[in-house]
Amino acid sequence: MDILKSPPLALSLVLASLYAGLFHLIWGQLWGEFLLYWITAIIGFGLGQAIGNVIGLNVLMVGEVHLLEASLVCWAALYVAKWLKV
């Protein structure tokens, strides 16, 4: 249960949600797409965080959150989801 109270997890979920909302605001058409973008953003942000941990690059970090890697992978995942029209 302590993982649910984790500040890095909370920050990651907030940022991924903001990215999904912004992406949907700019390119979304239907409300159903927002759920897809939100899930994609969370998965992409998590993958970016994992990549940042593996690479060990400590550029633009807030606490334990790799903002640069996680944000880049999140946005790439959102563009791929839009491109594939999943």
N, C-alpha and C. Protein backbone atom coordinates (compact mmCIF):
# COMPACT_ATOMS: atom_id res chain seq x y z
N MET A 1 0.80 -1.20 0.00
CA MET A 1 0.00 0.00 0.00
C MET A 1 0.84 1.27 0.00
N ASP A 2 2.11 1.17 0.41
CA ASP A 2 2.95 2.36 0.45
C ASP A 2 3.26 2.89 -0.94
N ILE A 3 3.21 2.02 -1.96
CA ILE A 3 3.49 2.48 -3.32
C ILE A 3 2.41 3.46 -3.79
N LEU A 4 1.19 3.32 -3.28
CA LEU A 4 0.12 4.22 -3.68
C LEU A 4 0.29 5.61 -3.06
N LYS A 5 1.09 5.72 -2.01
CA LYS A 5 1.35 7.00 -1.37
C LYS A 5 2.67 7.60 -1.83
N SER A 6 3.26 7.04 -2.84
CA SER A 6 4.57 7.45 -3.33
C SER A 6 4.49 8.77 -4.10
N PRO A 7 5.23 9.79 -3.69
CA PRO A 7 5.25 11.05 -4.43
C PRO A 7 5.72 10.92 -5.89
N PRO A 8 6.74 10.08 -6.20
CA PRO A 8 7.11 9.94 -7.61
C PRO A 8 5.98 9.35 -8.46
N LEU A 9 5.24 8.40 -7.89
CA LEU A 9 4.11 7.83 -8.63
C LEU A 9 3.03 8.89 -8.85
N ALA A 10 2.75 9.67 -7.83
CA ALA A 10 1.74 10.72 -7.96
C ALA A 10 2.15 11.75 -9.02
N LEU A 11 3.40 12.18 -8.98
CA LEU A 11 3.90 13.13 -9.98
C LEU A 11 3.83 12.55 -11.38
N SER A 12 4.19 11.29 -11.52
CA SER A 12 4.15 10.63 -12.83
C SER A 12 2.73 10.56 -13.37
N LEU A 13 1.78 10.20 -12.52
CA LEU A 13 0.38 10.11 -12.95
C LEU A 13 -0.18 11.49 -13.31
N VAL A 14 0.19 12.49 -12.55
CA VAL A 14 -0.28 13.85 -12.84
C VAL A 14 0.29 14.34 -14.18
N LEU A 15 1.58 14.15 -14.38
CA LEU A 15 2.20 14.60 -15.63
C LEU A 15 1.66 13.84 -16.83
N ALA A 16 1.53 12.52 -16.71
CA ALA A 16 0.98 11.73 -17.82
C ALA A 16 -0.45 12.16 -18.13
N SER A 17 -1.22 12.44 -17.11
CA SER A 17 -2.60 12.90 -17.31
C SER A 17 -2.64 14.26 -17.99
N LEU A 18 -1.75 15.16 -17.57
CA LEU A 18 -1.68 16.47 -18.22
C LEU A 18 -1.27 16.35 -19.68
N TYR A 19 -0.29 15.49 -19.96
CA TYR A 19 0.13 15.28 -21.34
C TYR A 19 -1.01 14.71 -22.18
N ALA A 20 -1.75 13.75 -21.62
CA ALA A 20 -2.88 13.17 -22.35
C ALA A 20 -3.96 14.21 -22.60
N GLY A 21 -4.24 15.03 -21.61
CA GLY A 21 -5.25 16.07 -21.78
C GLY A 21 -4.84 17.10 -22.82
N LEU A 22 -3.58 17.51 -22.78
CA LEU A 22 -3.09 18.47 -23.76
C LEU A 22 -3.10 17.88 -25.17
N PHE A 23 -2.67 16.63 -25.29
CA PHE A 23 -2.67 15.96 -26.58
C PHE A 23 -4.09 15.86 -27.13
N HIS A 24 -5.05 15.50 -26.26
CA HIS A 24 -6.44 15.39 -26.70
C HIS A 24 -7.02 16.75 -27.05
N LEU A 25 -6.64 17.78 -26.31
CA LEU A 25 -7.12 19.12 -26.59
C LEU A 25 -6.67 19.59 -27.97
N ILE A 26 -5.44 19.23 -28.35
CA ILE A 26 -4.90 19.66 -29.63
C ILE A 26 -5.36 18.77 -30.78
N TRP A 27 -5.29 17.44 -30.62
CA TRP A 27 -5.55 16.53 -31.73
C TRP A 27 -6.76 15.62 -31.56
N GLY A 28 -7.36 15.61 -30.40
CA GLY A 28 -8.48 14.70 -30.17
C GLY A 28 -9.76 15.19 -30.83
N GLN A 29 -10.63 14.26 -31.13
CA GLN A 29 -11.90 14.61 -31.74
C GLN A 29 -13.08 14.11 -30.91
N LEU A 30 -12.96 12.93 -30.37
CA LEU A 30 -14.05 12.33 -29.60
C LEU A 30 -13.62 12.14 -28.15
N TRP A 31 -14.58 12.15 -27.25
CA TRP A 31 -14.26 11.95 -25.84
C TRP A 31 -13.73 10.56 -25.57
N GLY A 32 -14.13 9.59 -26.36
CA GLY A 32 -13.63 8.23 -26.19
C GLY A 32 -12.14 8.12 -26.44
N GLU A 33 -11.63 9.01 -27.27
CA GLU A 33 -10.19 9.01 -27.55
C GLU A 33 -9.39 9.42 -26.32
N PHE A 34 -9.98 10.24 -25.45
CA PHE A 34 -9.24 10.70 -24.27
C PHE A 34 -8.83 9.53 -23.39
N LEU A 35 -9.71 8.57 -23.20
CA LEU A 35 -9.37 7.41 -22.39
C LEU A 35 -8.20 6.65 -23.00
N LEU A 36 -8.21 6.48 -24.31
CA LEU A 36 -7.10 5.82 -25.01
C LEU A 36 -5.81 6.61 -24.82
N TYR A 37 -5.88 7.92 -25.00
CA TYR A 37 -4.69 8.75 -24.84
C TYR A 37 -4.19 8.73 -23.40
N TRP A 38 -5.10 8.71 -22.44
CA TRP A 38 -4.71 8.70 -21.03
C TRP A 38 -3.96 7.42 -20.69
N ILE A 39 -4.51 6.29 -21.12
CA ILE A 39 -3.85 5.00 -20.86
C ILE A 39 -2.51 4.94 -21.58
N THR A 40 -2.48 5.41 -22.82
CA THR A 40 -1.24 5.43 -23.59
C THR A 40 -0.19 6.31 -22.92
N ALA A 41 -0.61 7.46 -22.42
CA ALA A 41 0.31 8.37 -21.77
C ALA A 41 0.89 7.76 -20.50
N ILE A 42 0.07 7.08 -19.73
CA ILE A 42 0.56 6.46 -18.50
C ILE A 42 1.55 5.34 -18.82
N ILE A 43 1.22 4.54 -19.80
CA ILE A 43 2.14 3.45 -20.20
C ILE A 43 3.43 4.04 -20.77
N GLY A 44 3.32 5.04 -21.63
CA GLY A 44 4.50 5.67 -22.21
C GLY A 44 5.38 6.34 -21.16
N PHE A 45 4.75 7.02 -20.21
CA PHE A 45 5.52 7.67 -19.15
C PHE A 45 6.24 6.62 -18.30
N GLY A 46 5.55 5.53 -18.01
CA GLY A 46 6.16 4.44 -17.25
C GLY A 46 7.33 3.81 -17.99
N LEU A 47 7.16 3.59 -19.28
CA LEU A 47 8.26 3.04 -20.08
C LEU A 47 9.45 4.01 -20.12
N GLY A 48 9.17 5.28 -20.26
CA GLY A 48 10.24 6.28 -20.26
C GLY A 48 10.96 6.32 -18.93
N GLN A 49 10.22 6.17 -17.85
CA GLN A 49 10.83 6.13 -16.53
C GLN A 49 11.73 4.90 -16.40
N ALA A 50 11.26 3.76 -16.90
CA ALA A 50 12.06 2.53 -16.86
C ALA A 50 13.33 2.69 -17.70
N ILE A 51 13.20 3.30 -18.88
CA ILE A 51 14.36 3.52 -19.74
C ILE A 51 15.35 4.44 -19.04
N GLY A 52 14.84 5.48 -18.38
CA GLY A 52 15.71 6.38 -17.64
C GLY A 52 16.45 5.68 -16.52
N ASN A 53 15.79 4.74 -15.85
CA ASN A 53 16.45 3.98 -14.79
C ASN A 53 17.53 3.06 -15.35
N VAL A 54 17.24 2.44 -16.50
CA VAL A 54 18.21 1.51 -17.10
C VAL A 54 19.42 2.27 -17.64
N ILE A 55 19.17 3.35 -18.35
CA ILE A 55 20.26 4.13 -18.93
C ILE A 55 21.08 4.81 -17.83
N GLY A 56 20.42 5.26 -16.80
CA GLY A 56 21.11 5.94 -15.72
C GLY A 56 21.44 7.39 -16.00
N LEU A 57 20.79 7.95 -17.00
CA LEU A 57 21.00 9.36 -17.34
C LEU A 57 20.24 10.22 -16.34
N ASN A 58 20.91 11.07 -15.62
CA ASN A 58 20.28 11.88 -14.57
C ASN A 58 20.12 13.33 -14.99
N VAL A 59 19.58 13.53 -16.19
CA VAL A 59 19.34 14.87 -16.70
C VAL A 59 17.87 15.20 -16.48
N LEU A 60 17.59 16.36 -15.98
CA LEU A 60 16.23 16.86 -15.78
C LEU A 60 15.39 15.88 -14.95
N MET A 61 15.80 15.71 -13.72
CA MET A 61 15.08 14.82 -12.81
C MET A 61 14.41 15.65 -11.72
N VAL A 62 13.26 15.18 -11.28
CA VAL A 62 12.60 15.73 -10.10
C VAL A 62 12.47 14.57 -9.12
N GLY A 63 13.29 14.58 -8.13
CA GLY A 63 13.33 13.45 -7.20
C GLY A 63 13.78 12.20 -7.94
N GLU A 64 12.93 11.19 -7.96
CA GLU A 64 13.25 9.94 -8.64
C GLU A 64 12.64 9.85 -10.04
N VAL A 65 11.97 10.89 -10.47
CA VAL A 65 11.28 10.88 -11.76
C VAL A 65 12.20 11.44 -12.85
N HIS A 66 12.41 10.64 -13.88
CA HIS A 66 13.21 11.05 -15.04
C HIS A 66 12.30 11.81 -16.01
N LEU A 67 12.22 13.13 -15.84
CA LEU A 67 11.29 13.92 -16.63
C LEU A 67 11.59 13.90 -18.12
N LEU A 68 12.85 14.00 -18.49
CA LEU A 68 13.21 14.07 -19.90
C LEU A 68 12.85 12.78 -20.62
N GLU A 69 13.35 11.66 -20.14
CA GLU A 69 13.11 10.38 -20.80
C GLU A 69 11.62 10.02 -20.78
N ALA A 70 11.00 10.18 -19.62
CA ALA A 70 9.59 9.80 -19.49
C ALA A 70 8.70 10.66 -20.37
N SER A 71 8.99 11.95 -20.43
CA SER A 71 8.18 12.85 -21.26
C SER A 71 8.35 12.55 -22.74
N LEU A 72 9.58 12.32 -23.16
CA LEU A 72 9.81 12.02 -24.58
C LEU A 72 9.12 10.73 -25.00
N VAL A 73 9.24 9.68 -24.20
CA VAL A 73 8.60 8.40 -24.55
C VAL A 73 7.08 8.53 -24.48
N CYS A 74 6.58 9.29 -23.52
CA CYS A 74 5.14 9.51 -23.40
C CYS A 74 4.59 10.19 -24.66
N TRP A 75 5.23 11.28 -25.08
CA TRP A 75 4.76 11.98 -26.27
C TRP A 75 4.90 11.12 -27.53
N ALA A 76 5.98 10.35 -27.60
CA ALA A 76 6.15 9.45 -28.75
C ALA A 76 5.03 8.40 -28.77
N ALA A 77 4.70 7.86 -27.62
CA ALA A 77 3.62 6.87 -27.54
C ALA A 77 2.28 7.48 -27.95
N LEU A 78 2.04 8.71 -27.54
CA LEU A 78 0.79 9.39 -27.93
C LEU A 78 0.72 9.59 -29.44
N TYR A 79 1.84 10.00 -30.04
CA TYR A 79 1.85 10.18 -31.50
C TYR A 79 1.67 8.84 -32.23
N VAL A 80 2.27 7.79 -31.72
CA VAL A 80 2.10 6.48 -32.34
C VAL A 80 0.64 6.02 -32.23
N ALA A 81 0.02 6.24 -31.09
CA ALA A 81 -1.39 5.88 -30.92
C ALA A 81 -2.27 6.66 -31.89
N LYS A 82 -1.97 7.94 -32.08
CA LYS A 82 -2.75 8.74 -33.03
C LYS A 82 -2.49 8.28 -34.46
N TRP A 83 -1.24 7.99 -34.78
CA TRP A 83 -0.86 7.56 -36.11
C TRP A 83 -1.52 6.23 -36.47
N LEU A 84 -1.52 5.29 -35.51
CA LEU A 84 -2.14 3.99 -35.74
C LEU A 84 -3.66 4.05 -35.65
N LYS A 85 -4.17 5.14 -35.10
CA LYS A 85 -5.61 5.30 -34.90
C LYS A 85 -6.19 4.12 -34.16
N VAL A 86 -5.52 3.78 -33.07
CA VAL A 86 -5.91 2.62 -32.25
C VAL A 86 -7.27 2.87 -31.65
